[in-house]
Amino acid sequence: MIKIRIGEFTPGVTPNSARATPHYANKTKSMELYLIRHGIAEDKGLGIKDEERSLTKEGRQKTEKVAQKLVKLGLNFDLILTSPLVRSRQTAEILIAEKLSSQLEESSHLAPDGEISSWLKDWLEPRNYSQNSQLALVGHEPGFTNWAEILLWGEVKASLVLKKAGMIGIKLPETGSPLGRSQMFWLTPPKYLL
């Protein structure tokens, strides 16, 4: 098991910035969200509670390869925010171990029943982000494709598919609500990153 010191994310301060961005009345900052689905996990119904299901050996290996490819592509996240469920937490720990970020936090908003409106209101809006922040969210399906579609189109259309260890990249607008106004710049199944 990897031991990780979980640090508190300092809004407005990125690894490349020397000082925090001042707080402004505008609550929505320009940032990129990377929605990353957890890796392959143990099957349901094996007598294991859903929240305790771990990544399988294959799930760990594929997730490690995906993380290594993301490093080669030059990605680095200001923060990795994960669902508290074991499989998501393990996926996030792999991303941290590959040095995709130095900061990791858990959020119950990213659990399978999490709502994007609650996450935006309770988690994202109160924080102040520097321009071009990159935030990785590690969680579940169908929640993440629903979140992506609400950000892109303002409603769920059941059009996007996010495979295990796959990723959707979404750029939020610089001002105003991100709902129905965001732009997708990345949708990759893991097979293209292996």
N, C-alpha and C. Protein backbone atom coordinates (compact mmCIF):
# COMPACT_ATOMS: atom_id res chain seq x y z
N MET A 1 0.84 -1.17 0.00
CA MET A 1 0.00 0.00 0.00
C MET A 1 0.88 1.24 0.00
N ILE A 2 0.50 2.21 -0.79
CA ILE A 2 1.23 3.46 -0.88
C ILE A 2 0.79 4.38 0.24
N LYS A 3 1.75 4.96 0.95
CA LYS A 3 1.41 5.94 1.98
C LYS A 3 1.54 7.31 1.35
N ILE A 4 0.48 8.08 1.48
CA ILE A 4 0.46 9.40 0.87
C ILE A 4 0.07 10.41 1.93
N ARG A 5 0.80 11.47 1.96
CA ARG A 5 0.43 12.58 2.84
C ARG A 5 -0.58 13.42 2.08
N ILE A 6 -1.77 13.47 2.59
CA ILE A 6 -2.82 14.22 1.92
C ILE A 6 -2.73 15.66 2.39
N GLY A 7 -2.42 16.53 1.43
CA GLY A 7 -2.30 17.94 1.76
C GLY A 7 -3.58 18.67 1.46
N GLU A 8 -3.75 19.77 2.07
CA GLU A 8 -4.92 20.61 1.81
C GLU A 8 -4.60 21.44 0.57
N PHE A 9 -5.47 21.41 -0.41
CA PHE A 9 -5.28 22.16 -1.64
C PHE A 9 -5.41 23.64 -1.34
N THR A 10 -4.46 24.41 -1.78
CA THR A 10 -4.50 25.85 -1.59
C THR A 10 -5.04 26.50 -2.84
N PRO A 11 -6.31 26.93 -2.82
CA PRO A 11 -6.91 27.52 -4.01
C PRO A 11 -6.12 28.72 -4.49
N GLY A 12 -5.99 28.83 -5.81
CA GLY A 12 -5.30 29.95 -6.41
C GLY A 12 -3.80 29.78 -6.47
N VAL A 13 -3.28 28.74 -5.85
CA VAL A 13 -1.84 28.52 -5.88
C VAL A 13 -1.58 27.21 -6.61
N THR A 14 -0.84 27.29 -7.68
CA THR A 14 -0.48 26.10 -8.43
C THR A 14 1.00 25.85 -8.19
N PRO A 15 1.49 24.65 -8.55
CA PRO A 15 2.91 24.39 -8.34
C PRO A 15 3.81 25.40 -9.05
N ASN A 16 3.31 26.06 -10.09
CA ASN A 16 4.11 27.00 -10.86
C ASN A 16 3.87 28.45 -10.46
N SER A 17 3.02 28.70 -9.48
CA SER A 17 2.75 30.09 -9.11
C SER A 17 3.36 30.40 -7.75
N ALA A 18 3.78 31.64 -7.60
CA ALA A 18 4.41 32.03 -6.36
C ALA A 18 3.42 32.63 -5.37
N ARG A 19 2.28 33.10 -5.84
CA ARG A 19 1.33 33.71 -4.94
C ARG A 19 -0.10 33.39 -5.36
N ALA A 20 -1.00 33.56 -4.46
CA ALA A 20 -2.40 33.26 -4.70
C ALA A 20 -3.04 34.34 -5.55
N THR A 21 -4.03 33.93 -6.32
CA THR A 21 -4.84 34.87 -7.08
C THR A 21 -5.82 35.52 -6.13
N PRO A 22 -6.02 36.83 -6.23
CA PRO A 22 -6.96 37.48 -5.32
C PRO A 22 -8.38 36.96 -5.52
N HIS A 23 -9.19 37.05 -4.47
CA HIS A 23 -10.59 36.64 -4.55
C HIS A 23 -11.38 37.72 -5.29
N TYR A 24 -12.18 37.29 -6.23
CA TYR A 24 -13.05 38.18 -6.96
C TYR A 24 -14.49 37.75 -6.76
N ALA A 25 -15.41 38.62 -7.10
CA ALA A 25 -16.83 38.30 -6.95
C ALA A 25 -17.25 37.17 -7.87
N ASN A 26 -16.60 37.05 -9.03
CA ASN A 26 -16.93 35.99 -9.98
C ASN A 26 -16.49 34.66 -9.39
N LYS A 27 -17.44 33.75 -9.20
CA LYS A 27 -17.16 32.48 -8.54
C LYS A 27 -16.62 31.41 -9.49
N THR A 28 -16.90 31.49 -10.77
CA THR A 28 -16.48 30.45 -11.70
C THR A 28 -15.19 30.88 -12.39
N LYS A 29 -14.13 30.11 -12.20
CA LYS A 29 -12.83 30.43 -12.78
C LYS A 29 -12.60 29.60 -14.04
N SER A 30 -11.69 30.08 -14.88
CA SER A 30 -11.31 29.31 -16.04
C SER A 30 -10.46 28.14 -15.56
N MET A 31 -10.90 26.96 -15.88
CA MET A 31 -10.13 25.79 -15.47
C MET A 31 -10.49 24.61 -16.34
N GLU A 32 -9.63 23.61 -16.30
CA GLU A 32 -9.87 22.35 -17.00
C GLU A 32 -10.17 21.27 -15.98
N LEU A 33 -11.27 20.55 -16.21
CA LEU A 33 -11.62 19.39 -15.40
C LEU A 33 -11.29 18.14 -16.20
N TYR A 34 -10.65 17.18 -15.56
CA TYR A 34 -10.38 15.89 -16.16
C TYR A 34 -11.17 14.87 -15.36
N LEU A 35 -12.23 14.34 -15.95
CA LEU A 35 -13.07 13.34 -15.29
C LEU A 35 -12.48 11.96 -15.60
N ILE A 36 -11.95 11.31 -14.60
CA ILE A 36 -11.26 10.03 -14.78
C ILE A 36 -12.04 8.94 -14.06
N ARG A 37 -12.47 7.95 -14.83
CA ARG A 37 -13.20 6.84 -14.22
C ARG A 37 -12.19 5.89 -13.56
N HIS A 38 -12.57 5.32 -12.43
CA HIS A 38 -11.70 4.38 -11.74
C HIS A 38 -11.37 3.19 -12.65
N GLY A 39 -10.29 2.49 -12.31
CA GLY A 39 -9.88 1.31 -13.07
C GLY A 39 -10.78 0.11 -12.82
N ILE A 40 -10.47 -0.98 -13.49
CA ILE A 40 -11.26 -2.22 -13.38
C ILE A 40 -11.24 -2.70 -11.93
N ALA A 41 -12.44 -2.95 -11.39
CA ALA A 41 -12.57 -3.34 -9.99
C ALA A 41 -13.19 -4.73 -9.86
N GLU A 42 -13.14 -5.23 -8.63
CA GLU A 42 -13.77 -6.52 -8.33
C GLU A 42 -15.26 -6.45 -8.69
N ASP A 43 -15.78 -7.59 -9.13
CA ASP A 43 -17.18 -7.66 -9.52
C ASP A 43 -18.11 -7.46 -8.33
N LYS A 44 -19.27 -6.93 -8.64
CA LYS A 44 -20.32 -6.81 -7.62
C LYS A 44 -20.82 -8.21 -7.29
N GLY A 45 -21.35 -8.36 -6.10
CA GLY A 45 -21.98 -9.63 -5.73
C GLY A 45 -21.04 -10.70 -5.22
N LEU A 46 -19.81 -10.37 -4.92
CA LEU A 46 -18.88 -11.36 -4.37
C LEU A 46 -18.85 -11.31 -2.85
N GLY A 47 -19.91 -10.78 -2.27
CA GLY A 47 -19.97 -10.65 -0.82
C GLY A 47 -19.21 -9.44 -0.32
N ILE A 48 -18.84 -8.55 -1.21
CA ILE A 48 -18.10 -7.35 -0.85
C ILE A 48 -19.04 -6.16 -1.00
N LYS A 49 -19.05 -5.27 -0.03
CA LYS A 49 -19.85 -4.06 -0.12
C LYS A 49 -19.33 -3.23 -1.29
N ASP A 50 -20.24 -2.55 -2.00
CA ASP A 50 -19.86 -1.77 -3.17
C ASP A 50 -18.74 -0.78 -2.86
N GLU A 51 -18.85 -0.08 -1.74
CA GLU A 51 -17.85 0.94 -1.42
C GLU A 51 -16.49 0.35 -1.07
N GLU A 52 -16.42 -0.97 -0.84
CA GLU A 52 -15.16 -1.62 -0.48
C GLU A 52 -14.51 -2.38 -1.64
N ARG A 53 -15.15 -2.37 -2.82
CA ARG A 53 -14.57 -3.09 -3.96
C ARG A 53 -13.24 -2.46 -4.38
N SER A 54 -12.22 -3.30 -4.51
CA SER A 54 -10.87 -2.86 -4.87
C SER A 54 -10.62 -3.03 -6.37
N LEU A 55 -9.55 -2.39 -6.82
CA LEU A 55 -9.09 -2.64 -8.19
C LEU A 55 -8.57 -4.07 -8.28
N THR A 56 -8.79 -4.70 -9.41
CA THR A 56 -8.20 -6.01 -9.66
C THR A 56 -6.74 -5.82 -10.05
N LYS A 57 -6.01 -6.91 -10.15
CA LYS A 57 -4.61 -6.84 -10.61
C LYS A 57 -4.56 -6.21 -12.01
N GLU A 58 -5.45 -6.66 -12.90
CA GLU A 58 -5.51 -6.09 -14.24
C GLU A 58 -5.89 -4.61 -14.18
N GLY A 59 -6.81 -4.26 -13.30
CA GLY A 59 -7.22 -2.87 -13.14
C GLY A 59 -6.07 -1.98 -12.71
N ARG A 60 -5.27 -2.47 -11.77
CA ARG A 60 -4.09 -1.71 -11.32
C ARG A 60 -3.08 -1.54 -12.46
N GLN A 61 -2.81 -2.64 -13.16
CA GLN A 61 -1.82 -2.58 -14.24
C GLN A 61 -2.24 -1.63 -15.35
N LYS A 62 -3.49 -1.71 -15.78
CA LYS A 62 -3.96 -0.81 -16.84
C LYS A 62 -3.97 0.63 -16.38
N THR A 63 -4.39 0.86 -15.15
CA THR A 63 -4.42 2.23 -14.63
C THR A 63 -3.01 2.79 -14.53
N GLU A 64 -2.04 1.98 -14.11
CA GLU A 64 -0.65 2.43 -14.07
C GLU A 64 -0.15 2.81 -15.45
N LYS A 65 -0.47 1.99 -16.46
CA LYS A 65 -0.04 2.29 -17.84
C LYS A 65 -0.68 3.57 -18.35
N VAL A 66 -1.96 3.76 -18.06
CA VAL A 66 -2.65 4.99 -18.47
C VAL A 66 -1.99 6.18 -17.79
N ALA A 67 -1.71 6.08 -16.49
CA ALA A 67 -1.07 7.18 -15.76
C ALA A 67 0.31 7.49 -16.34
N GLN A 68 1.07 6.47 -16.67
CA GLN A 68 2.41 6.69 -17.27
C GLN A 68 2.29 7.41 -18.60
N LYS A 69 1.29 7.07 -19.39
CA LYS A 69 1.08 7.74 -20.68
C LYS A 69 0.68 9.20 -20.47
N LEU A 70 -0.14 9.46 -19.48
CA LEU A 70 -0.54 10.84 -19.19
C LEU A 70 0.68 11.68 -18.80
N VAL A 71 1.60 11.08 -18.06
CA VAL A 71 2.85 11.77 -17.70
C VAL A 71 3.64 12.08 -18.97
N LYS A 72 3.76 11.10 -19.87
CA LYS A 72 4.50 11.31 -21.13
C LYS A 72 3.86 12.40 -21.98
N LEU A 73 2.54 12.54 -21.86
CA LEU A 73 1.83 13.59 -22.60
C LEU A 73 1.97 14.97 -21.94
N GLY A 74 2.63 15.00 -20.78
CA GLY A 74 2.90 16.27 -20.11
C GLY A 74 1.81 16.77 -19.18
N LEU A 75 0.87 15.91 -18.83
CA LEU A 75 -0.18 16.36 -17.92
C LEU A 75 0.33 16.45 -16.49
N ASN A 76 -0.16 17.44 -15.79
CA ASN A 76 0.10 17.59 -14.37
C ASN A 76 -1.08 18.32 -13.77
N PHE A 77 -1.66 17.75 -12.74
CA PHE A 77 -2.87 18.31 -12.13
C PHE A 77 -2.52 19.11 -10.88
N ASP A 78 -3.21 20.22 -10.71
CA ASP A 78 -3.03 21.01 -9.49
C ASP A 78 -3.57 20.25 -8.28
N LEU A 79 -4.59 19.42 -8.51
CA LEU A 79 -5.20 18.64 -7.45
C LEU A 79 -5.90 17.44 -8.06
N ILE A 80 -5.84 16.31 -7.37
CA ILE A 80 -6.64 15.13 -7.72
C ILE A 80 -7.67 14.99 -6.61
N LEU A 81 -8.93 15.04 -7.00
CA LEU A 81 -10.05 14.90 -6.07
C LEU A 81 -10.71 13.58 -6.36
N THR A 82 -10.90 12.75 -5.33
CA THR A 82 -11.41 11.41 -5.55
C THR A 82 -12.65 11.10 -4.73
N SER A 83 -13.45 10.21 -5.27
CA SER A 83 -14.55 9.61 -4.53
C SER A 83 -13.94 8.86 -3.35
N PRO A 84 -14.67 8.75 -2.22
CA PRO A 84 -14.12 8.01 -1.09
C PRO A 84 -14.18 6.49 -1.25
N LEU A 85 -14.82 5.98 -2.30
CA LEU A 85 -14.90 4.53 -2.50
C LEU A 85 -13.51 3.97 -2.82
N VAL A 86 -13.24 2.77 -2.34
CA VAL A 86 -11.90 2.17 -2.42
C VAL A 86 -11.34 2.17 -3.84
N ARG A 87 -12.11 1.73 -4.83
CA ARG A 87 -11.59 1.62 -6.21
C ARG A 87 -11.18 2.97 -6.78
N SER A 88 -11.91 4.01 -6.45
CA SER A 88 -11.54 5.35 -6.92
C SER A 88 -10.32 5.85 -6.17
N ARG A 89 -10.31 5.62 -4.88
CA ARG A 89 -9.17 6.05 -4.06
C ARG A 89 -7.88 5.37 -4.55
N GLN A 90 -7.96 4.07 -4.88
CA GLN A 90 -6.79 3.36 -5.38
C GLN A 90 -6.35 3.91 -6.74
N THR A 91 -7.30 4.25 -7.58
CA THR A 91 -6.98 4.85 -8.88
C THR A 91 -6.26 6.18 -8.67
N ALA A 92 -6.78 7.01 -7.77
CA ALA A 92 -6.16 8.30 -7.48
C ALA A 92 -4.75 8.13 -6.91
N GLU A 93 -4.56 7.13 -6.06
CA GLU A 93 -3.23 6.88 -5.49
C GLU A 93 -2.23 6.48 -6.58
N ILE A 94 -2.68 5.77 -7.59
CA ILE A 94 -1.81 5.43 -8.72
C ILE A 94 -1.40 6.70 -9.47
N LEU A 95 -2.35 7.60 -9.68
CA LEU A 95 -2.05 8.87 -10.35
C LEU A 95 -1.04 9.68 -9.55
N ILE A 96 -1.18 9.69 -8.23
CA ILE A 96 -0.24 10.39 -7.35
C ILE A 96 1.14 9.72 -7.42
N ALA A 97 1.16 8.39 -7.38
CA ALA A 97 2.44 7.65 -7.41
C ALA A 97 3.20 7.92 -8.70
N GLU A 98 2.48 8.18 -9.79
CA GLU A 98 3.13 8.48 -11.07
C GLU A 98 3.47 9.96 -11.20
N LYS A 99 3.25 10.72 -10.14
CA LYS A 99 3.62 12.14 -10.07
C LYS A 99 2.76 13.04 -10.97
N LEU A 100 1.50 12.65 -11.17
CA LEU A 100 0.59 13.51 -11.93
C LEU A 100 0.09 14.67 -11.09
N SER A 101 0.26 14.60 -9.79
CA SER A 101 -0.06 15.68 -8.86
C SER A 101 0.61 15.37 -7.54
N SER A 102 0.74 16.39 -6.72
CA SER A 102 1.26 16.17 -5.37
C SER A 102 0.17 16.33 -4.33
N GLN A 103 -1.05 16.65 -4.78
CA GLN A 103 -2.13 16.92 -3.83
C GLN A 103 -3.33 16.03 -4.12
N LEU A 104 -3.85 15.44 -3.05
CA LEU A 104 -4.98 14.51 -3.15
C LEU A 104 -5.99 14.83 -2.07
N GLU A 105 -7.26 14.91 -2.45
CA GLU A 105 -8.35 15.09 -1.50
C GLU A 105 -9.48 14.15 -1.85
N GLU A 106 -10.30 13.84 -0.86
CA GLU A 106 -11.52 13.05 -1.07
C GLU A 106 -12.72 13.98 -1.02
N SER A 107 -13.76 13.62 -1.78
CA SER A 107 -15.01 14.36 -1.73
C SER A 107 -16.17 13.39 -1.88
N SER A 108 -17.08 13.43 -0.93
CA SER A 108 -18.26 12.57 -1.02
C SER A 108 -19.15 12.97 -2.21
N HIS A 109 -18.96 14.16 -2.75
CA HIS A 109 -19.70 14.59 -3.93
C HIS A 109 -19.41 13.69 -5.13
N LEU A 110 -18.25 13.01 -5.11
CA LEU A 110 -17.85 12.17 -6.25
C LEU A 110 -18.27 10.71 -6.07
N ALA A 111 -18.97 10.40 -5.00
CA ALA A 111 -19.51 9.05 -4.83
C ALA A 111 -20.55 8.79 -5.92
N PRO A 112 -20.92 7.52 -6.15
CA PRO A 112 -21.82 7.21 -7.26
C PRO A 112 -23.14 7.99 -7.28
N ASP A 113 -23.63 8.41 -6.13
CA ASP A 113 -24.89 9.16 -6.12
C ASP A 113 -24.68 10.68 -6.07
N GLY A 114 -23.45 11.14 -6.31
CA GLY A 114 -23.14 12.56 -6.25
C GLY A 114 -23.79 13.36 -7.37
N GLU A 115 -24.18 14.58 -7.04
CA GLU A 115 -24.82 15.48 -8.00
C GLU A 115 -23.87 16.61 -8.36
N ILE A 116 -23.78 16.93 -9.64
CA ILE A 116 -22.87 17.99 -10.07
C ILE A 116 -23.27 19.33 -9.49
N SER A 117 -24.56 19.61 -9.38
CA SER A 117 -24.99 20.91 -8.85
C SER A 117 -24.51 21.08 -7.41
N SER A 118 -24.55 20.01 -6.62
CA SER A 118 -24.06 20.08 -5.23
C SER A 118 -22.55 20.27 -5.21
N TRP A 119 -21.84 19.56 -6.08
CA TRP A 119 -20.38 19.70 -6.12
C TRP A 119 -19.98 21.12 -6.50
N LEU A 120 -20.64 21.67 -7.52
CA LEU A 120 -20.33 23.04 -7.93
C LEU A 120 -20.58 24.03 -6.80
N LYS A 121 -21.73 23.91 -6.15
CA LYS A 121 -22.13 24.86 -5.12
C LYS A 121 -21.31 24.70 -3.84
N ASP A 122 -21.13 23.47 -3.39
CA ASP A 122 -20.51 23.22 -2.10
C ASP A 122 -18.99 23.10 -2.15
N TRP A 123 -18.45 22.69 -3.30
CA TRP A 123 -17.01 22.43 -3.35
C TRP A 123 -16.29 23.41 -4.26
N LEU A 124 -16.71 23.54 -5.51
CA LEU A 124 -15.97 24.35 -6.48
C LEU A 124 -16.13 25.85 -6.28
N GLU A 125 -17.35 26.32 -6.15
CA GLU A 125 -17.59 27.76 -6.07
C GLU A 125 -16.88 28.45 -4.90
N PRO A 126 -16.82 27.84 -3.72
CA PRO A 126 -16.15 28.52 -2.60
C PRO A 126 -14.64 28.66 -2.76
N ARG A 127 -14.05 27.95 -3.71
CA ARG A 127 -12.59 27.98 -3.88
C ARG A 127 -12.21 28.98 -4.96
N ASN A 128 -11.03 29.48 -4.86
CA ASN A 128 -10.53 30.46 -5.81
C ASN A 128 -9.40 29.80 -6.61
N TYR A 129 -9.55 29.73 -7.91
CA TYR A 129 -8.56 29.06 -8.75
C TYR A 129 -7.82 30.05 -9.63
N SER A 130 -6.55 29.78 -9.86
CA SER A 130 -5.77 30.58 -10.79
C SER A 130 -6.22 30.24 -12.21
N GLN A 131 -5.92 31.11 -13.14
CA GLN A 131 -6.24 30.83 -14.54
C GLN A 131 -5.53 29.54 -14.96
N ASN A 132 -6.18 28.78 -15.78
CA ASN A 132 -5.63 27.54 -16.34
C ASN A 132 -5.34 26.46 -15.31
N SER A 133 -6.08 26.43 -14.22
CA SER A 133 -5.95 25.34 -13.26
C SER A 133 -6.40 24.04 -13.90
N GLN A 134 -5.77 22.96 -13.50
CA GLN A 134 -6.13 21.63 -13.99
C GLN A 134 -6.49 20.76 -12.79
N LEU A 135 -7.74 20.31 -12.77
CA LEU A 135 -8.25 19.53 -11.65
C LEU A 135 -8.71 18.18 -12.16
N ALA A 136 -8.18 17.10 -11.57
CA ALA A 136 -8.59 15.74 -11.94
C ALA A 136 -9.60 15.24 -10.92
N LEU A 137 -10.73 14.75 -11.40
CA LEU A 137 -11.74 14.14 -10.55
C LEU A 137 -11.77 12.66 -10.85
N VAL A 138 -11.67 11.82 -9.83
CA VAL A 138 -11.68 10.37 -10.02
C VAL A 138 -12.97 9.84 -9.41
N GLY A 139 -13.77 9.15 -10.25
CA GLY A 139 -15.06 8.68 -9.76
C GLY A 139 -15.67 7.59 -10.62
N HIS A 140 -16.97 7.66 -10.80
CA HIS A 140 -17.77 6.53 -11.24
C HIS A 140 -18.68 6.85 -12.43
N GLU A 141 -19.22 5.78 -12.97
CA GLU A 141 -20.24 5.85 -14.01
C GLU A 141 -21.56 5.36 -13.43
N PRO A 142 -22.68 5.85 -13.91
CA PRO A 142 -22.86 6.79 -15.02
C PRO A 142 -22.71 8.25 -14.61
N GLY A 143 -22.34 8.49 -13.36
CA GLY A 143 -22.25 9.86 -12.87
C GLY A 143 -21.38 10.78 -13.70
N PHE A 144 -20.18 10.33 -14.06
CA PHE A 144 -19.27 11.23 -14.76
C PHE A 144 -19.73 11.60 -16.17
N THR A 145 -20.30 10.66 -16.90
CA THR A 145 -20.80 11.06 -18.23
C THR A 145 -22.01 11.98 -18.07
N ASN A 146 -22.82 11.75 -17.05
CA ASN A 146 -23.93 12.67 -16.79
C ASN A 146 -23.40 14.06 -16.46
N TRP A 147 -22.38 14.13 -15.59
CA TRP A 147 -21.78 15.41 -15.24
C TRP A 147 -21.24 16.11 -16.49
N ALA A 148 -20.52 15.36 -17.32
CA ALA A 148 -19.94 15.94 -18.53
C ALA A 148 -21.04 16.49 -19.45
N GLU A 149 -22.09 15.73 -19.64
CA GLU A 149 -23.17 16.17 -20.53
C GLU A 149 -23.89 17.40 -19.97
N ILE A 150 -24.07 17.47 -18.67
CA ILE A 150 -24.69 18.66 -18.07
C ILE A 150 -23.79 19.88 -18.25
N LEU A 151 -22.48 19.69 -18.09
CA LEU A 151 -21.54 20.80 -18.32
C LEU A 151 -21.55 21.23 -19.78
N LEU A 152 -21.62 20.27 -20.69
CA LEU A 152 -21.56 20.59 -22.12
C LEU A 152 -22.89 21.10 -22.68
N TRP A 153 -23.97 20.40 -22.39
CA TRP A 153 -25.25 20.67 -23.04
C TRP A 153 -26.35 21.14 -22.10
N GLY A 154 -26.09 21.15 -20.81
CA GLY A 154 -27.09 21.57 -19.86
C GLY A 154 -28.08 20.49 -19.48
N GLU A 155 -27.92 19.31 -20.04
CA GLU A 155 -28.82 18.19 -19.74
C GLU A 155 -28.14 16.87 -20.05
N VAL A 156 -28.67 15.80 -19.49
CA VAL A 156 -28.16 14.46 -19.76
C VAL A 156 -28.76 13.97 -21.06
N LYS A 157 -27.90 13.54 -21.99
CA LYS A 157 -28.36 13.03 -23.28
C LYS A 157 -28.01 11.56 -23.48
N ALA A 158 -27.28 10.98 -22.55
CA ALA A 158 -26.85 9.58 -22.65
C ALA A 158 -26.09 9.32 -23.94
N SER A 159 -25.24 10.27 -24.31
CA SER A 159 -24.48 10.17 -25.56
C SER A 159 -23.02 9.78 -25.35
N LEU A 160 -22.43 10.16 -24.24
CA LEU A 160 -21.01 9.91 -24.00
C LEU A 160 -20.80 8.56 -23.32
N VAL A 161 -19.65 7.96 -23.60
CA VAL A 161 -19.26 6.70 -22.98
C VAL A 161 -17.88 6.92 -22.35
N LEU A 162 -17.75 6.52 -21.10
CA LEU A 162 -16.48 6.63 -20.40
C LEU A 162 -16.10 5.25 -19.86
N LYS A 163 -15.11 4.65 -20.47
CA LYS A 163 -14.63 3.32 -20.06
C LYS A 163 -13.82 3.41 -18.77
N LYS A 164 -13.64 2.28 -18.10
CA LYS A 164 -12.84 2.25 -16.88
C LYS A 164 -11.41 2.68 -17.20
N ALA A 165 -10.89 3.59 -16.40
CA ALA A 165 -9.57 4.22 -16.57
C ALA A 165 -9.54 5.16 -17.77
N GLY A 166 -10.71 5.50 -18.31
CA GLY A 166 -10.80 6.48 -19.39
C GLY A 166 -10.93 7.88 -18.82
N MET A 167 -10.90 8.88 -19.73
CA MET A 167 -10.87 10.26 -19.27
C MET A 167 -11.64 11.17 -20.23
N ILE A 168 -12.35 12.12 -19.63
CA ILE A 168 -13.01 13.20 -20.37
C ILE A 168 -12.41 14.51 -19.87
N GLY A 169 -11.97 15.36 -20.79
CA GLY A 169 -11.45 16.68 -20.43
C GLY A 169 -12.45 17.75 -20.81
N ILE A 170 -12.75 18.63 -19.87
CA ILE A 170 -13.74 19.69 -20.09
C ILE A 170 -13.18 21.01 -19.60
N LYS A 171 -13.24 22.02 -20.45
CA LYS A 171 -12.81 23.37 -20.08
C LYS A 171 -14.04 24.16 -19.66
N LEU A 172 -13.99 24.70 -18.45
CA LEU A 172 -15.09 25.52 -17.94
C LEU A 172 -14.94 26.95 -18.47
N PRO A 173 -16.04 27.66 -18.65
CA PRO A 173 -15.94 29.05 -19.12
C PRO A 173 -15.31 29.93 -18.05
N GLU A 174 -14.72 31.05 -18.48
CA GLU A 174 -14.05 31.94 -17.54
C GLU A 174 -15.03 32.66 -16.62
N THR A 175 -16.24 32.91 -17.10
CA THR A 175 -17.23 33.62 -16.29
C THR A 175 -18.58 32.93 -16.39
N GLY A 176 -19.40 33.14 -15.40
CA GLY A 176 -20.77 32.63 -15.43
C GLY A 176 -20.84 31.15 -15.09
N SER A 177 -22.05 30.62 -15.18
CA SER A 177 -22.28 29.21 -14.88
C SER A 177 -21.62 28.32 -15.93
N PRO A 178 -21.01 27.21 -15.50
CA PRO A 178 -20.43 26.28 -16.46
C PRO A 178 -21.47 25.34 -17.08
N LEU A 179 -22.68 25.29 -16.51
CA LEU A 179 -23.70 24.35 -16.98
C LEU A 179 -24.18 24.71 -18.38
N GLY A 180 -23.98 23.78 -19.31
CA GLY A 180 -24.38 24.00 -20.69
C GLY A 180 -23.49 24.95 -21.46
N ARG A 181 -22.38 25.36 -20.87
CA ARG A 181 -21.50 26.36 -21.50
C ARG A 181 -20.04 25.93 -21.54
N SER A 182 -19.75 24.71 -21.14
CA SER A 182 -18.37 24.23 -21.11
C SER A 182 -18.01 23.57 -22.43
N GLN A 183 -16.72 23.35 -22.64
CA GLN A 183 -16.24 22.75 -23.89
C GLN A 183 -15.45 21.48 -23.60
N MET A 184 -15.75 20.43 -24.36
CA MET A 184 -14.99 19.19 -24.23
C MET A 184 -13.77 19.27 -25.13
N PHE A 185 -12.62 18.92 -24.60
CA PHE A 185 -11.40 18.91 -25.41
C PHE A 185 -10.73 17.53 -25.40
N TRP A 186 -11.28 16.58 -24.62
CA TRP A 186 -10.63 15.28 -24.53
C TRP A 186 -11.67 14.23 -24.19
N LEU A 187 -11.68 13.14 -24.94
CA LEU A 187 -12.48 11.95 -24.63
C LEU A 187 -11.68 10.76 -25.12
N THR A 188 -11.08 10.04 -24.19
CA THR A 188 -10.18 8.95 -24.55
C THR A 188 -10.48 7.69 -23.77
N PRO A 189 -10.76 6.58 -24.49
CA PRO A 189 -10.83 5.30 -23.78
C PRO A 189 -9.40 4.86 -23.47
N PRO A 190 -9.23 4.05 -22.44
CA PRO A 190 -7.88 3.66 -22.02
C PRO A 190 -7.09 2.92 -23.10
N LYS A 191 -7.75 2.20 -24.01
CA LYS A 191 -7.00 1.43 -25.00
C LYS A 191 -6.10 2.31 -25.86
N TYR A 192 -6.43 3.60 -25.99
CA TYR A 192 -5.59 4.51 -26.79
C TYR A 192 -4.45 5.09 -25.97
N LEU A 193 -4.43 4.79 -24.68
CA LEU A 193 -3.37 5.28 -23.81
C LEU A 193 -2.45 4.16 -23.33
N LEU A 194 -2.74 2.92 -23.75
CA LEU A 194 -1.92 1.79 -23.31
C LEU A 194 -0.77 1.53 -24.27
